[in-house]
């Protein structure tokens, strides 16, 4: 489920709504830390109604898409995109859910399996670091590309 134009904040309540609509079907949210923070309090709704969606929060400590556009247009001059995040796994536990933190690729599958097995709403906090802007993009790759390509004028 996703809105047209990728509105931030849609995914968390959408995952909760999907579990309300069909509690037996899996509902898995994958989004960035900035996106999750838009409506992350809806995790409490999942707990209140004993729903078990899985929230995979990819934490690059920023509003990554906004930062990407800033880096493309104004290299090294990003503004207002940095985030100071909570420990999302601890937040899940604080609400009464299941929480996991993942920092390596090989640790993800076991954390995912434990999250499903918990039978509770769960947050898997995937820490990727501030260089990561998305699944296939980093700030350092943008900078390398910029040095190899001529600058376009608008």
Protein backbone atom coordinates (compact mmCIF):
# COMPACT_ATOMS: atom_id res chain seq x y z
CA UNK A 1 0.00 0.00 0.00
CA UNK A 2 1.37 3.39 -0.87
CA UNK A 3 0.11 6.80 -1.84
CA UNK A 4 0.88 8.42 -5.17
CA UNK A 5 3.87 10.78 -4.85
CA UNK A 6 5.26 9.00 -1.75
CA UNK A 7 3.76 11.07 1.06
CA UNK A 8 5.88 10.80 4.20
CA UNK A 9 4.16 9.36 7.23
CA UNK A 10 1.68 7.17 5.37
CA UNK A 11 3.31 3.80 5.99
CA UNK A 12 2.99 3.40 9.75
CA UNK A 13 -0.78 3.97 9.97
CA UNK A 14 -1.21 2.02 6.71
CA UNK A 15 0.47 -1.04 8.24
CA UNK A 16 -1.76 -0.77 11.31
CA UNK A 17 -4.84 -0.39 9.09
CA UNK A 18 -3.80 -3.41 7.02
CA UNK A 19 -3.67 -5.54 10.17
CA UNK A 20 -7.08 -4.23 11.25
CA UNK A 21 -8.50 -5.13 7.84
CA UNK A 22 -6.94 -8.62 7.86
CA UNK A 23 -5.28 -9.57 11.17
CA UNK A 24 -4.05 -12.90 9.77
CA UNK A 25 -2.22 -11.41 6.78
CA UNK A 26 1.32 -10.12 7.22
CA UNK A 27 1.75 -6.35 7.30
CA UNK A 28 5.32 -5.17 6.94
CA UNK A 29 6.35 -1.52 6.87
CA UNK A 30 9.75 -0.56 5.44
CA UNK A 31 10.65 3.09 5.74
CA UNK A 32 13.20 5.58 6.88
CA UNK A 33 13.60 7.06 10.30
CA UNK A 34 12.17 10.42 9.23
CA UNK A 35 9.14 8.73 7.70
CA UNK A 36 8.56 6.59 10.78
CA UNK A 37 8.80 9.62 13.08
CA UNK A 38 5.94 11.32 11.21
CA UNK A 39 3.38 8.89 12.70
CA UNK A 40 5.37 6.43 14.78
CA UNK A 41 3.00 6.95 17.71
CA UNK A 42 0.55 4.74 15.81
CA UNK A 43 2.69 1.86 17.06
CA UNK A 44 0.67 2.36 20.27
CA UNK A 45 -2.52 1.70 18.30
CA UNK A 46 -1.14 -1.63 17.14
CA UNK A 47 -0.33 -2.54 20.74
CA UNK A 48 -3.73 -1.36 22.01
CA UNK A 49 -5.59 -3.57 19.53
CA UNK A 50 -3.15 -6.50 19.84
CA UNK A 51 -2.08 -6.28 16.21
CA UNK A 52 1.30 -7.52 15.04
CA UNK A 53 2.63 -5.53 12.09
CA UNK A 54 6.39 -5.51 11.61
CA UNK A 55 8.02 -2.07 11.23
CA UNK A 56 11.46 -2.03 9.61
CA UNK A 57 12.93 1.39 10.34
CA UNK A 58 16.02 2.18 8.25
CA UNK A 59 17.91 4.78 10.28
CA UNK A 60 20.28 7.10 8.44
CA UNK A 61 19.81 9.87 11.00
CA UNK A 62 18.21 12.18 8.46
CA UNK A 63 15.34 13.02 6.19
CA UNK A 64 17.22 11.11 3.50
CA UNK A 65 15.21 12.02 0.40
CA UNK A 66 15.30 15.72 1.22
CA UNK A 67 19.02 15.49 1.93
CA UNK A 68 19.56 13.69 -1.39
CA UNK A 69 17.94 16.56 -3.29
CA UNK A 70 19.99 19.09 -1.34
CA UNK A 71 23.23 17.18 -2.01
CA UNK A 72 22.44 16.96 -5.72
CA UNK A 73 21.72 20.66 -6.09
CA UNK A 74 23.89 22.17 -3.37
CA UNK A 75 26.75 19.76 -2.56
CA UNK A 76 27.80 19.83 1.08
CA UNK A 77 25.22 22.45 2.00
CA UNK A 78 22.35 20.44 3.40
CA UNK A 79 20.09 22.13 5.91
CA UNK A 80 17.45 20.95 8.35
CA UNK A 81 17.68 17.27 7.47
CA UNK A 82 19.62 15.81 10.40
CA UNK A 83 17.72 13.84 13.04
CA UNK A 84 18.52 12.83 16.60
CA UNK A 85 16.67 9.55 16.93
CA UNK A 86 15.59 7.41 19.82
CA UNK A 87 16.58 3.78 20.06
CA UNK A 88 13.60 2.52 18.06
CA UNK A 89 13.88 -1.04 19.41
CA UNK A 90 13.67 0.30 22.96
CA UNK A 91 10.65 2.40 21.97
CA UNK A 92 8.90 -0.76 20.77
CA UNK A 93 9.65 -2.52 24.04
CA UNK A 94 8.46 0.53 25.98
CA UNK A 95 5.08 0.31 24.27
CA UNK A 96 4.88 -3.42 25.07
CA UNK A 97 5.95 -4.65 21.65
CA UNK A 98 9.01 -6.45 20.35
CA UNK A 99 12.19 -4.58 19.43
CA UNK A 100 15.36 -5.55 17.59
CA UNK A 101 18.41 -3.57 16.46
CA UNK A 102 20.33 -4.62 13.36
CA UNK A 103 23.68 -3.23 12.23
CA UNK A 104 24.83 -5.91 9.76
CA UNK A 105 23.13 -7.61 6.84
CA UNK A 106 23.64 -11.09 8.29
CA UNK A 107 21.85 -10.08 11.51
CA UNK A 108 18.66 -9.04 9.71
CA UNK A 109 17.06 -12.42 8.91
CA UNK A 110 17.31 -13.76 12.50
CA UNK A 111 15.92 -10.47 13.87
CA UNK A 112 13.05 -10.63 11.39
CA UNK A 113 12.24 -14.24 12.35
CA UNK A 114 12.29 -13.37 16.08
CA UNK A 115 10.00 -10.40 15.38
CA UNK A 116 7.45 -12.57 13.62
CA UNK A 117 7.70 -15.28 16.29
CA UNK A 118 7.04 -12.72 19.05
CA UNK A 119 3.42 -12.39 17.93
CA UNK A 120 3.56 -8.69 18.83
CA UNK A 121 3.90 -5.46 16.94
CA UNK A 122 7.63 -5.15 16.35
CA UNK A 123 10.20 -2.60 15.31
CA UNK A 124 13.42 -3.71 13.66
CA UNK A 125 15.80 -0.75 13.94
CA UNK A 126 18.22 -1.03 11.00
CA UNK A 127 21.17 1.31 11.55
CA UNK A 128 22.82 2.30 8.27
CA UNK A 129 24.54 5.61 9.08
CA UNK A 130 24.31 9.11 7.63
CA UNK A 131 26.13 8.34 4.36
CA UNK A 132 23.18 6.23 3.17
CA UNK A 133 20.40 8.07 1.37
CA UNK A 134 18.46 5.07 0.10
CA UNK A 135 18.85 1.45 -0.92
CA UNK A 136 21.08 2.32 -3.88
CA UNK A 137 22.45 5.75 -3.04
CA UNK A 138 25.04 7.25 -0.73
CA UNK A 139 26.33 10.79 -0.24
CA UNK A 140 29.85 9.61 -1.08
CA UNK A 141 28.64 8.07 -4.40
CA UNK A 142 26.89 11.35 -5.28
CA UNK A 143 30.12 13.21 -4.59
CA UNK A 144 32.16 10.79 -6.73
CA UNK A 145 29.66 11.05 -9.59
CA UNK A 146 29.72 14.84 -9.34
CA UNK A 147 33.49 14.89 -9.89
CA UNK A 148 33.14 12.68 -12.98
CA UNK A 149 30.17 14.40 -14.66
CA UNK A 150 30.00 17.96 -15.94
CA UNK A 151 27.65 20.21 -13.97
CA UNK A 152 24.38 20.85 -15.72
CA UNK A 153 23.13 24.40 -15.79
CA UNK A 154 19.45 25.14 -15.39
